[in-house]
Amino acid sequence: MIAVLGLVVGVVAGLLVRPEVPAVVEPYLPIAVVAALDAVFGGLRAMLDGIFDDKVFVVSFLSNVVVAALIVFLGDKLGVGAQLSTGVVVVLGIRIFSNAAAIRRHIFRA
């Protein structure tokens, strides 16, 4: 319940404050969001499997975001940013759909 309340407060604060993303980090924001979603779906799957650990979740969340952003940053510096961005999204997308399938199997027993 605390997480839902925090989500509602965050959404309302974001709508009222209207934060601006600096142009320098704009290319990395979508990748960071996909990496964060991967950690969230992995945490939900772990919770349903009964093996959730909050420390592992926090480390996974932060490391996913940082590593994904660093890969894209390195790709930008090497001149292959679009290709590495696509690669990161594909890999994280596969993980997200894998976790979503496991969550669906757990919830619907299918």
PDB file of N, CA and C in Angstrom:
ATOM      1  N   MET A   1       0.827  -1.195   0.000  1.00  0.00           N
ATOM      2  CA  MET A   1       0.000   0.000   0.000  1.00  0.00           C
ATOM      3  C   MET A   1       0.872   1.260   0.000  1.00  0.00           C
ATOM      4  N   ILE A   2       2.006   1.175   0.697  1.00  0.00           N
ATOM      5  CA  ILE A   2       2.914   2.326   0.734  1.00  0.00           C
ATOM      6  C   ILE A   2       3.463   2.617  -0.664  1.00  0.00           C
ATOM      7  N   ALA A   3       3.755   1.565  -1.419  1.00  0.00           N
ATOM      8  CA  ALA A   3       4.285   1.759  -2.768  1.00  0.00           C
ATOM      9  C   ALA A   3       3.256   2.433  -3.674  1.00  0.00           C
ATOM     10  N   VAL A   4       2.008   2.037  -3.558  1.00  0.00           N
ATOM     11  CA  VAL A   4       0.942   2.642  -4.368  1.00  0.00           C
ATOM     12  C   VAL A   4       0.770   4.110  -3.997  1.00  0.00           C
ATOM     13  N   LEU A   5       0.791   4.397  -2.706  1.00  0.00           N
ATOM     14  CA  LEU A   5       0.692   5.777  -2.250  1.00  0.00           C
ATOM     15  C   LEU A   5       1.863   6.602  -2.770  1.00  0.00           C
ATOM     16  N   GLY A   6       3.074   6.025  -2.715  1.00  0.00           N
ATOM     17  CA  GLY A   6       4.251   6.714  -3.242  1.00  0.00           C
ATOM     18  C   GLY A   6       4.150   6.974  -4.729  1.00  0.00           C
ATOM     19  N   LEU A   7       3.589   6.009  -5.464  1.00  0.00           N
ATOM     20  CA  LEU A   7       3.396   6.182  -6.901  1.00  0.00           C
ATOM     21  C   LEU A   7       2.424   7.311  -7.189  1.00  0.00           C
ATOM     22  N   VAL A   8       1.324   7.350  -6.458  1.00  0.00           N
ATOM     23  CA  VAL A   8       0.319   8.403  -6.657  1.00  0.00           C
ATOM     24  C   VAL A   8       0.913   9.773  -6.330  1.00  0.00           C
ATOM     25  N   VAL A   9       1.627   9.867  -5.208  1.00  0.00           N
ATOM     26  CA  VAL A   9       2.250  11.140  -4.826  1.00  0.00           C
ATOM     27  C   VAL A   9       3.267  11.564  -5.880  1.00  0.00           C
ATOM     28  N   GLY A  10       4.052  10.608  -6.397  1.00  0.00           N
ATOM     29  CA  GLY A  10       5.044  10.926  -7.420  1.00  0.00           C
ATOM     30  C   GLY A  10       4.423  11.411  -8.713  1.00  0.00           C
ATOM     31  N   VAL A  11       3.350  10.777  -9.136  1.00  0.00           N
ATOM     32  CA  VAL A  11       2.678  11.190 -10.371  1.00  0.00           C
ATOM     33  C   VAL A  11       2.076  12.578 -10.207  1.00  0.00           C
ATOM     34  N   VAL A  12       1.421  12.819  -9.082  1.00  0.00           N
ATOM     35  CA  VAL A  12       0.820  14.136  -8.843  1.00  0.00           C
ATOM     36  C   VAL A  12       1.909  15.212  -8.776  1.00  0.00           C
ATOM     37  N   ALA A  13       3.002  14.914  -8.069  1.00  0.00           N
ATOM     38  CA  ALA A  13       4.105  15.883  -7.981  1.00  0.00           C
ATOM     39  C   ALA A  13       4.692  16.156  -9.358  1.00  0.00           C
ATOM     40  N   GLY A  14       4.838  15.120 -10.183  1.00  0.00           N
ATOM     41  CA  GLY A  14       5.367  15.306 -11.529  1.00  0.00           C
ATOM     42  C   GLY A  14       4.456  16.144 -12.404  1.00  0.00           C
ATOM     43  N   LEU A  15       3.159  15.975 -12.232  1.00  0.00           N
ATOM     44  CA  LEU A  15       2.213  16.765 -13.024  1.00  0.00           C
ATOM     45  C   LEU A  15       2.181  18.228 -12.575  1.00  0.00           C
ATOM     46  N   LEU A  16       2.343  18.457 -11.280  1.00  0.00           N
ATOM     47  CA  LEU A  16       2.301  19.823 -10.765  1.00  0.00           C
ATOM     48  C   LEU A  16       3.603  20.575 -11.011  1.00  0.00           C
ATOM     49  N   VAL A  17       4.726  19.913 -10.816  1.00  0.00           N
ATOM     50  CA  VAL A  17       6.030  20.580 -10.904  1.00  0.00           C
ATOM     51  C   VAL A  17       6.511  20.687 -12.353  1.00  0.00           C
ATOM     52  N   ARG A  18       6.134  19.723 -13.192  1.00  0.00           N
ATOM     53  CA  ARG A  18       6.565  19.671 -14.587  1.00  0.00           C
ATOM     54  C   ARG A  18       8.089  19.746 -14.716  1.00  0.00           C
ATOM     55  N   PRO A  19       8.794  18.719 -14.239  1.00  0.00           N
ATOM     56  CA  PRO A  19      10.267  18.752 -14.321  1.00  0.00           C
ATOM     57  C   PRO A  19      10.739  18.687 -15.768  1.00  0.00           C
ATOM     58  N   GLU A  20      11.877  19.310 -16.019  1.00  0.00           N
ATOM     59  CA  GLU A  20      12.464  19.306 -17.354  1.00  0.00           C
ATOM     60  C   GLU A  20      13.703  18.433 -17.344  1.00  0.00           C
ATOM     61  N   VAL A  21      13.820  17.596 -18.359  1.00  0.00           N
ATOM     62  CA  VAL A  21      14.981  16.720 -18.489  1.00  0.00           C
ATOM     63  C   VAL A  21      16.051  17.479 -19.264  1.00  0.00           C
ATOM     64  N   PRO A  22      17.267  17.566 -18.714  1.00  0.00           N
ATOM     65  CA  PRO A  22      18.338  18.242 -19.450  1.00  0.00           C
ATOM     66  C   PRO A  22      18.604  17.551 -20.792  1.00  0.00           C
ATOM     67  N   ALA A  23      18.910  18.330 -21.797  1.00  0.00           N
ATOM     68  CA  ALA A  23      19.109  17.795 -23.148  1.00  0.00           C
ATOM     69  C   ALA A  23      20.241  16.785 -23.204  1.00  0.00           C
ATOM     70  N   VAL A  24      21.199  16.926 -22.327  1.00  0.00           N
ATOM     71  CA  VAL A  24      22.360  16.036 -22.344  1.00  0.00           C
ATOM     72  C   VAL A  24      22.007  14.605 -21.925  1.00  0.00           C
ATOM     73  N   VAL A  25      20.961  14.424 -21.127  1.00  0.00           N
ATOM     74  CA  VAL A  25      20.584  13.085 -20.674  1.00  0.00           C
ATOM     75  C   VAL A  25      19.347  12.542 -21.399  1.00  0.00           C
ATOM     76  N   GLU A  26      18.770  13.312 -22.295  1.00  0.00           N
ATOM     77  CA  GLU A  26      17.576  12.859 -23.017  1.00  0.00           C
ATOM     78  C   GLU A  26      17.768  11.552 -23.771  1.00  0.00           C
ATOM     79  N   PRO A  27      18.916  11.321 -24.428  1.00  0.00           N
ATOM     80  CA  PRO A  27      19.066  10.050 -25.157  1.00  0.00           C
ATOM     81  C   PRO A  27      19.102   8.823 -24.234  1.00  0.00           C
ATOM     82  N   TYR A  28      19.455   9.026 -22.976  1.00  0.00           N
ATOM     83  CA  TYR A  28      19.617   7.904 -22.048  1.00  0.00           C
ATOM     84  C   TYR A  28      18.367   7.623 -21.226  1.00  0.00           C
ATOM     85  N   LEU A  29      17.433   8.545 -21.191  1.00  0.00           N
ATOM     86  CA  LEU A  29      16.240   8.379 -20.364  1.00  0.00           C
ATOM     87  C   LEU A  29      15.371   7.193 -20.796  1.00  0.00           C
ATOM     88  N   PRO A  30      15.074   7.013 -22.082  1.00  0.00           N
ATOM     89  CA  PRO A  30      14.251   5.848 -22.455  1.00  0.00           C
ATOM     90  C   PRO A  30      14.919   4.521 -22.102  1.00  0.00           C
ATOM     91  N   ILE A  31      16.227   4.447 -22.276  1.00  0.00           N
ATOM     92  CA  ILE A  31      16.963   3.223 -21.943  1.00  0.00           C
ATOM     93  C   ILE A  31      16.910   2.991 -20.446  1.00  0.00           C
ATOM     94  N   ALA A  32      17.059   4.046 -19.665  1.00  0.00           N
ATOM     95  CA  ALA A  32      16.999   3.912 -18.212  1.00  0.00           C
ATOM     96  C   ALA A  32      15.610   3.461 -17.765  1.00  0.00           C
ATOM     97  N   VAL A  33      14.569   3.947 -18.412  1.00  0.00           N
ATOM     98  CA  VAL A  33      13.206   3.546 -18.059  1.00  0.00           C
ATOM     99  C   VAL A  33      12.987   2.068 -18.374  1.00  0.00           C
ATOM    100  N   VAL A  34      13.463   1.603 -19.529  1.00  0.00           N
ATOM    101  CA  VAL A  34      13.316   0.193 -19.887  1.00  0.00           C
ATOM    102  C   VAL A  34      14.110  -0.680 -18.911  1.00  0.00           C
ATOM    103  N   ALA A  35      15.309  -0.236 -18.526  1.00  0.00           N
ATOM    104  CA  ALA A  35      16.112  -0.991 -17.562  1.00  0.00           C
ATOM    105  C   ALA A  35      15.414  -1.039 -16.204  1.00  0.00           C
ATOM    106  N   ALA A  36      14.797   0.059 -15.803  1.00  0.00           N
ATOM    107  CA  ALA A  36      14.069   0.084 -14.535  1.00  0.00           C
ATOM    108  C   ALA A  36      12.852  -0.840 -14.594  1.00  0.00           C
ATOM    109  N   LEU A  37      12.157  -0.854 -15.727  1.00  0.00           N
ATOM    110  CA  LEU A  37      11.016  -1.763 -15.880  1.00  0.00           C
ATOM    111  C   LEU A  37      11.455  -3.223 -15.786  1.00  0.00           C
ATOM    112  N   ASP A  38      12.630  -3.531 -16.327  1.00  0.00           N
ATOM    113  CA  ASP A  38      13.157  -4.883 -16.224  1.00  0.00           C
ATOM    114  C   ASP A  38      13.352  -5.267 -14.759  1.00  0.00           C
ATOM    115  N   ALA A  39      13.905  -4.364 -13.976  1.00  0.00           N
ATOM    116  CA  ALA A  39      14.106  -4.646 -12.556  1.00  0.00           C
ATOM    117  C   ALA A  39      12.771  -4.783 -11.826  1.00  0.00           C
ATOM    118  N   VAL A  40      11.803  -3.960 -12.165  1.00  0.00           N
ATOM    119  CA  VAL A  40      10.493  -4.031 -11.507  1.00  0.00           C
ATOM    120  C   VAL A  40       9.796  -5.356 -11.815  1.00  0.00           C
ATOM    121  N   PHE A  41       9.805  -5.766 -13.094  1.00  0.00           N
ATOM    122  CA  PHE A  41       9.186  -7.038 -13.445  1.00  0.00           C
ATOM    123  C   PHE A  41       9.937  -8.211 -12.810  1.00  0.00           C
ATOM    124  N   GLY A  42      11.265  -8.114 -12.742  1.00  0.00           N
ATOM    125  CA  GLY A  42      12.040  -9.153 -12.071  1.00  0.00           C
ATOM    126  C   GLY A  42      11.722  -9.221 -10.590  1.00  0.00           C
ATOM    127  N   GLY A  43      11.543  -8.062  -9.960  1.00  0.00           N
ATOM    128  CA  GLY A  43      11.171  -8.032  -8.550  1.00  0.00           C
ATOM    129  C   GLY A  43       9.790  -8.598  -8.307  1.00  0.00           C
ATOM    130  N   LEU A  44       8.851  -8.288  -9.191  1.00  0.00           N
ATOM    131  CA  LEU A  44       7.493  -8.835  -9.059  1.00  0.00           C
ATOM    132  C   LEU A  44       7.502 -10.353  -9.225  1.00  0.00           C
ATOM    133  N   ARG A  45       8.290 -10.817 -10.188  1.00  0.00           N
ATOM    134  CA  ARG A  45       8.403 -12.271 -10.382  1.00  0.00           C
ATOM    135  C   ARG A  45       9.011 -12.928  -9.145  1.00  0.00           C
ATOM    136  N   ALA A  46      10.058 -12.326  -8.604  1.00  0.00           N
ATOM    137  CA  ALA A  46      10.688 -12.888  -7.404  1.00  0.00           C
ATOM    138  C   ALA A  46       9.714 -12.898  -6.231  1.00  0.00           C
ATOM    139  N   MET A  47       8.905 -11.848  -6.109  1.00  0.00           N
ATOM    140  CA  MET A  47       7.928 -11.794  -5.028  1.00  0.00           C
ATOM    141  C   MET A  47       6.907 -12.925  -5.162  1.00  0.00           C
ATOM    142  N   LEU A  48       6.422 -13.144  -6.377  1.00  0.00           N
ATOM    143  CA  LEU A  48       5.450 -14.214  -6.591  1.00  0.00           C
ATOM    144  C   LEU A  48       6.070 -15.597  -6.394  1.00  0.00           C
ATOM    145  N   ASP A  49       7.381 -15.719  -6.669  1.00  0.00           N
ATOM    146  CA  ASP A  49       8.072 -16.987  -6.456  1.00  0.00           C
ATOM    147  C   ASP A  49       8.488 -17.181  -5.005  1.00  0.00           C
ATOM    148  N   GLY A  50       8.310 -16.139  -4.192  1.00  0.00           N
ATOM    149  CA  GLY A  50       8.650 -16.228  -2.777  1.00  0.00           C
ATOM    150  C   GLY A  50      10.124 -16.069  -2.464  1.00  0.00           C
ATOM    151  N   ILE A  51      10.891 -15.473  -3.387  1.00  0.00           N
ATOM    152  CA  ILE A  51      12.332 -15.306  -3.166  1.00  0.00           C
ATOM    153  C   ILE A  51      12.752 -13.837  -3.237  1.00  0.00           C
ATOM    154  N   PHE A  52      11.806 -12.937  -3.034  1.00  0.00           N
ATOM    155  CA  PHE A  52      12.105 -11.509  -3.132  1.00  0.00           C
ATOM    156  C   PHE A  52      13.002 -11.069  -1.982  1.00  0.00           C
ATOM    157  N   ASP A  53      14.011 -10.289  -2.313  1.00  0.00           N
ATOM    158  CA  ASP A  53      14.897  -9.683  -1.316  1.00  0.00           C
ATOM    159  C   ASP A  53      15.035  -8.210  -1.689  1.00  0.00           C
ATOM    160  N   ASP A  54      14.689  -7.329  -0.755  1.00  0.00           N
ATOM    161  CA  ASP A  54      14.687  -5.902  -1.074  1.00  0.00           C
ATOM    162  C   ASP A  54      16.068  -5.379  -1.429  1.00  0.00           C
ATOM    163  N   LYS A  55      17.112  -5.895  -0.802  1.00  0.00           N
ATOM    164  CA  LYS A  55      18.472  -5.446  -1.128  1.00  0.00           C
ATOM    165  C   LYS A  55      18.843  -5.841  -2.550  1.00  0.00           C
ATOM    166  N   VAL A  56      18.504  -7.060  -2.929  1.00  0.00           N
ATOM    167  CA  VAL A  56      18.782  -7.520  -4.294  1.00  0.00           C
ATOM    168  C   VAL A  56      18.006  -6.672  -5.296  1.00  0.00           C
ATOM    169  N   PHE A  57      16.761  -6.343  -4.957  1.00  0.00           N
ATOM    170  CA  PHE A  57      15.948  -5.529  -5.859  1.00  0.00           C
ATOM    171  C   PHE A  57      16.563  -4.145  -6.069  1.00  0.00           C
ATOM    172  N   VAL A  58      16.973  -3.499  -4.986  1.00  0.00           N
ATOM    173  CA  VAL A  58      17.553  -2.152  -5.100  1.00  0.00           C
ATOM    174  C   VAL A  58      18.846  -2.189  -5.910  1.00  0.00           C
ATOM    175  N   VAL A  59      19.704  -3.170  -5.618  1.00  0.00           N
ATOM    176  CA  VAL A  59      20.962  -3.280  -6.365  1.00  0.00           C
ATOM    177  C   VAL A  59      20.682  -3.587  -7.828  1.00  0.00           C
ATOM    178  N   SER A  60      19.728  -4.471  -8.103  1.00  0.00           N
ATOM    179  CA  SER A  60      19.368  -4.804  -9.480  1.00  0.00           C
ATOM    180  C   SER A  60      18.813  -3.583 -10.205  1.00  0.00           C
ATOM    181  N   PHE A  61      17.928  -2.857  -9.544  1.00  0.00           N
ATOM    182  CA  PHE A  61      17.322  -1.667 -10.131  1.00  0.00           C
ATOM    183  C   PHE A  61      18.401  -0.651 -10.518  1.00  0.00           C
ATOM    184  N   LEU A  62      19.247  -0.304  -9.564  1.00  0.00           N
ATOM    185  CA  LEU A  62      20.273   0.713  -9.818  1.00  0.00           C
ATOM    186  C   LEU A  62      21.311   0.238 -10.832  1.00  0.00           C
ATOM    187  N   SER A  63      21.757  -1.005 -10.707  1.00  0.00           N
ATOM    188  CA  SER A  63      22.781  -1.487 -11.628  1.00  0.00           C
ATOM    189  C   SER A  63      22.226  -1.621 -13.046  1.00  0.00           C
ATOM    190  N   ASN A  64      20.978  -2.064 -13.203  1.00  0.00           N
ATOM    191  CA  ASN A  64      20.386  -2.133 -14.541  1.00  0.00           C
ATOM    192  C   ASN A  64      20.382  -0.764 -15.206  1.00  0.00           C
ATOM    193  N   VAL A  65      19.937   0.232 -14.472  1.00  0.00           N
ATOM    194  CA  VAL A  65      19.856   1.587 -15.034  1.00  0.00           C
ATOM    195  C   VAL A  65      21.242   2.118 -15.380  1.00  0.00           C
ATOM    196  N   VAL A  66      22.182   1.970 -14.471  1.00  0.00           N
ATOM    197  CA  VAL A  66      23.535   2.504 -14.692  1.00  0.00           C
ATOM    198  C   VAL A  66      24.231   1.776 -15.834  1.00  0.00           C
ATOM    199  N   VAL A  67      24.175   0.447 -15.841  1.00  0.00           N
ATOM    200  CA  VAL A  67      24.855  -0.311 -16.894  1.00  0.00           C
ATOM    201  C   VAL A  67      24.237  -0.024 -18.264  1.00  0.00           C
ATOM    202  N   ALA A  68      22.924   0.020 -18.345  1.00  0.00           N
ATOM    203  CA  ALA A  68      22.275   0.319 -19.626  1.00  0.00           C
ATOM    204  C   ALA A  68      22.663   1.713 -20.119  1.00  0.00           C
ATOM    205  N   ALA A  69      22.653   2.692 -19.224  1.00  0.00           N
ATOM    206  CA  ALA A  69      23.032   4.053 -19.623  1.00  0.00           C
ATOM    207  C   ALA A  69      24.505   4.115 -20.038  1.00  0.00           C
ATOM    208  N   LEU A  70      25.363   3.397 -19.326  1.00  0.00           N
ATOM    209  CA  LEU A  70      26.793   3.396 -19.692  1.00  0.00           C
ATOM    210  C   LEU A  70      27.028   2.734 -21.046  1.00  0.00           C
ATOM    211  N   ILE A  71      26.298   1.667 -21.335  1.00  0.00           N
ATOM    212  CA  ILE A  71      26.444   1.020 -22.641  1.00  0.00           C
ATOM    213  C   ILE A  71      26.043   1.978 -23.757  1.00  0.00           C
ATOM    214  N   VAL A  72      24.935   2.670 -23.578  1.00  0.00           N
ATOM    215  CA  VAL A  72      24.484   3.621 -24.597  1.00  0.00           C
ATOM    216  C   VAL A  72      25.451   4.798 -24.691  1.00  0.00           C
ATOM    217  N   PHE A  73      25.949   5.282 -23.552  1.00  0.00           N
ATOM    218  CA  PHE A  73      26.931   6.378 -23.556  1.00  0.00           C
ATOM    219  C   PHE A  73      28.188   5.961 -24.315  1.00  0.00           C
ATOM    220  N   LEU A  74      28.682   4.764 -24.022  1.00  0.00           N
ATOM    221  CA  LEU A  74      29.868   4.262 -24.717  1.00  0.00           C
ATOM    222  C   LEU A  74      29.596   4.136 -26.208  1.00  0.00           C
ATOM    223  N   GLY A  75      28.404   3.653 -26.572  1.00  0.00           N
ATOM    224  CA  GLY A  75      28.038   3.557 -27.981  1.00  0.00           C
ATOM    225  C   GLY A  75      28.005   4.914 -28.660  1.00  0.00           C
ATOM    226  N   ASP A  76      27.516   5.930 -27.947  1.00  0.00           N
ATOM    227  CA  ASP A  76      27.520   7.289 -28.506  1.00  0.00           C
ATOM    228  C   ASP A  76      28.941   7.768 -28.757  1.00  0.00           C
ATOM    229  N   LYS A  77      29.818   7.510 -27.823  1.00  0.00           N
ATOM    230  CA  LYS A  77      31.217   7.942 -27.968  1.00  0.00           C
ATOM    231  C   LYS A  77      31.932   7.202 -29.094  1.00  0.00           C
ATOM    232  N   LEU A  78      31.537   5.946 -29.334  1.00  0.00           N
ATOM    233  CA  LEU A  78      32.150   5.155 -30.404  1.00  0.00           C
ATOM    234  C   LEU A  78      31.474   5.365 -31.749  1.00  0.00           C
ATOM    235  N   GLY A  79      30.353   6.086 -31.754  1.00  0.00           N
ATOM    236  CA  GLY A  79      29.638   6.354 -32.997  1.00  0.00           C
ATOM    237  C   GLY A  79      28.639   5.277 -33.380  1.00  0.00           C
ATOM    238  N   VAL A  80      28.340   4.379 -32.459  1.00  0.00           N
ATOM    239  CA  VAL A  80      27.369   3.320 -32.735  1.00  0.00           C
ATOM    240  C   VAL A  80      26.256   3.339 -31.691  1.00  0.00           C
ATOM    241  N   GLY A  81      25.882   4.527 -31.258  1.00  0.00           N
ATOM    242  CA  GLY A  81      24.895   4.678 -30.192  1.00  0.00           C
ATOM    243  C   GLY A  81      23.543   4.087 -30.531  1.00  0.00           C
ATOM    244  N   ALA A  82      23.094   4.287 -31.768  1.00  0.00           N
ATOM    245  CA  ALA A  82      21.776   3.770 -32.155  1.00  0.00           C
ATOM    246  C   ALA A  82      21.759   2.245 -32.126  1.00  0.00           C
ATOM    247  N   GLN A  83      22.843   1.626 -32.603  1.00  0.00           N
ATOM    248  CA  GLN A  83      22.902   0.171 -32.618  1.00  0.00           C
ATOM    249  C   GLN A  83      22.950  -0.399 -31.204  1.00  0.00           C
ATOM    250  N   LEU A  84      23.749   0.200 -30.335  1.00  0.00           N
ATOM    251  CA  LEU A  84      23.813  -0.292 -28.962  1.00  0.00           C
ATOM    252  C   LEU A  84      22.522  -0.012 -28.210  1.00  0.00           C
ATOM    253  N   SER A  85      21.878   1.109 -28.496  1.00  0.00           N
ATOM    254  CA  SER A  85      20.577   1.393 -27.873  1.00  0.00           C
ATOM    255  C   SER A  85      19.565   0.326 -28.271  1.00  0.00           C
ATOM    256  N   THR A  86      19.560  -0.029 -29.543  1.00  0.00           N
ATOM    257  CA  THR A  86      18.655  -1.072 -30.019  1.00  0.00           C
ATOM    258  C   THR A  86      18.979  -2.404 -29.339  1.00  0.00           C
ATOM    259  N   GLY A  87      20.258  -2.713 -29.221  1.00  0.00           N
ATOM    260  CA  GLY A  87      20.664  -3.955 -28.566  1.00  0.00           C
ATOM    261  C   GLY A  87      20.228  -4.011 -27.115  1.00  0.00           C
ATOM    262  N   VAL A  88      20.395  -2.911 -26.397  1.00  0.00           N
ATOM    263  CA  VAL A  88      19.997  -2.857 -24.990  1.00  0.00           C
ATOM    264  C   VAL A  88      18.490  -3.029 -24.866  1.00  0.00           C
ATOM    265  N   VAL A  89      17.729  -2.359 -25.718  1.00  0.00           N
ATOM    266  CA  VAL A  89      16.268  -2.468 -25.660  1.00  0.00           C
ATOM    267  C   VAL A  89      15.823  -3.891 -25.985  1.00  0.00           C
ATOM    268  N   VAL A  90      16.462  -4.531 -26.956  1.00  0.00           N
ATOM    269  CA  VAL A  90      16.094  -5.905 -27.312  1.00  0.00           C
ATOM    270  C   VAL A  90      16.374  -6.849 -26.150  1.00  0.00           C
ATOM    271  N   VAL A  91      17.568  -6.761 -25.562  1.00  0.00           N
ATOM    272  CA  VAL A  91      17.920  -7.647 -24.454  1.00  0.00           C
ATOM    273  C   VAL A  91      17.000  -7.425 -23.258  1.00  0.00           C
ATOM    274  N   LEU A  92      16.800  -6.177 -22.889  1.00  0.00           N
ATOM    275  CA  LEU A  92      15.921  -5.902 -21.754  1.00  0.00           C
ATOM    276  C   LEU A  92      14.473  -6.252 -22.077  1.00  0.00           C
ATOM    277  N   GLY A  93      14.061  -6.061 -23.321  1.00  0.00           N
ATOM    278  CA  GLY A  93      12.710  -6.441 -23.722  1.00  0.00           C
ATOM    279  C   GLY A  93      12.491  -7.936 -23.599  1.00  0.00           C
ATOM    280  N   ILE A  94      13.473  -8.723 -23.996  1.00  0.00           N
ATOM    281  CA  ILE A  94      13.376 -10.175 -23.847  1.00  0.00           C
ATOM    282  C   ILE A  94      13.236 -10.548 -22.381  1.00  0.00           C
ATOM    283  N   ARG A  95      14.027  -9.894 -21.521  1.00  0.00           N
ATOM    284  CA  ARG A  95      13.939 -10.182 -20.084  1.00  0.00           C
ATOM    285  C   ARG A  95      12.583  -9.765 -19.515  1.00  0.00           C
ATOM    286  N   ILE A  96      12.080  -8.618 -19.954  1.00  0.00           N
ATOM    287  CA  ILE A  96      10.777  -8.149 -19.462  1.00  0.00           C
ATOM    288  C   ILE A  96       9.680  -9.125 -19.871  1.00  0.00           C
ATOM    289  N   PHE A  97       9.669  -9.546 -21.137  1.00  0.00           N
ATOM    290  CA  PHE A  97       8.636 -10.476 -21.587  1.00  0.00           C
ATOM    291  C   PHE A  97       8.781 -11.840 -20.938  1.00  0.00           C
ATOM    292  N   SER A  98      10.003 -12.256 -20.657  1.00  0.00           N
ATOM    293  CA  SER A  98      10.215 -13.522 -19.950  1.00  0.00           C
ATOM    294  C   SER A  98       9.647 -13.442 -18.534  1.00  0.00           C
ATOM    295  N   ASN A  99       9.930 -12.341 -17.860  1.00  0.00           N
ATOM    296  CA  ASN A  99       9.376 -12.155 -16.513  1.00  0.00           C
ATOM    297  C   ASN A  99       7.852 -12.018 -16.551  1.00  0.00           C
ATOM    298  N   ALA A 100       7.335 -11.322 -17.553  1.00  0.00           N
ATOM    299  CA  ALA A 100       5.882 -11.169 -17.670  1.00  0.00           C
ATOM    300  C   ALA A 100       5.215 -12.521 -17.909  1.00  0.00           C
ATOM    301  N   ALA A 101       5.849 -13.381 -18.706  1.00  0.00           N
ATOM    302  CA  ALA A 101       5.294 -14.716 -18.943  1.00  0.00           C
ATOM    303  C   ALA A 101       5.301 -15.533 -17.660  1.00  0.00           C
ATOM    304  N   ALA A 102       6.371 -15.443 -16.872  1.00  0.00           N
ATOM    305  CA  ALA A 102       6.440 -16.174 -15.606  1.00  0.00           C
ATOM    306  C   ALA A 102       5.391 -15.643 -14.625  1.00  0.00           C
ATOM    307  N   ILE A 103       5.190 -14.343 -14.618  1.00  0.00           N
ATOM    308  CA  ILE A 103       4.168 -13.748 -13.742  1.00  0.00           C
ATOM    309  C   ILE A 103       2.780 -14.226 -14.168  1.00  0.00           C
ATOM    310  N   ARG A 104       2.528 -14.223 -15.469  1.00  0.00           N
ATOM    311  CA  ARG A 104       1.236 -14.703 -15.986  1.00  0.00           C
ATOM    312  C   ARG A 104       1.010 -16.158 -15.629  1.00  0.00           C
ATOM    313  N   ARG A 105       2.044 -16.995 -15.787  1.00  0.00           N
ATOM    314  CA  ARG A 105       1.909 -18.415 -15.427  1.00  0.00           C
ATOM    315  C   ARG A 105       1.625 -18.572 -13.942  1.00  0.00           C
ATOM    316  N   HIS A 106       2.245 -17.738 -13.127  1.00  0.00           N
ATOM    317  CA  HIS A 106       2.042 -17.836 -11.680  1.00  0.00           C
ATOM    318  C   HIS A 106       0.639 -17.396 -11.288  1.00  0.00           C
ATOM    319  N   ILE A 107       0.164 -16.319 -11.876  1.00  0.00           N
ATOM    320  CA  ILE A 107      -1.151 -15.781 -11.511  1.00  0.00           C
ATOM    321  C   ILE A 107      -2.281 -16.666 -12.035  1.00  0.00           C
ATOM    322  N   PHE A 108      -2.187 -17.081 -13.291  1.00  0.00           N
ATOM    323  CA  PHE A 108      -3.282 -17.841 -13.913  1.00  0.00           C
ATOM    324  C   PHE A 108      -3.064 -19.350 -13.874  1.00  0.00           C
ATOM    325  N   ARG A 109      -1.966 -19.770 -13.273  1.00  0.00           N
ATOM    326  CA  ARG A 109      -1.642 -21.197 -13.182  1.00  0.00           C
ATOM    327  C   ARG A 109      -1.651 -21.868 -14.552  1.00  0.00           C
ATOM    328  N   ALA A 110      -1.172 -21.106 -15.545  1.00  0.00           N
ATOM    329  CA  ALA A 110      -1.163 -21.632 -16.917  1.00  0.00           C
ATOM    330  C   ALA A 110       0.250 -21.679 -17.459  1.00  0.00           C
TER     331      ALA A 110
END
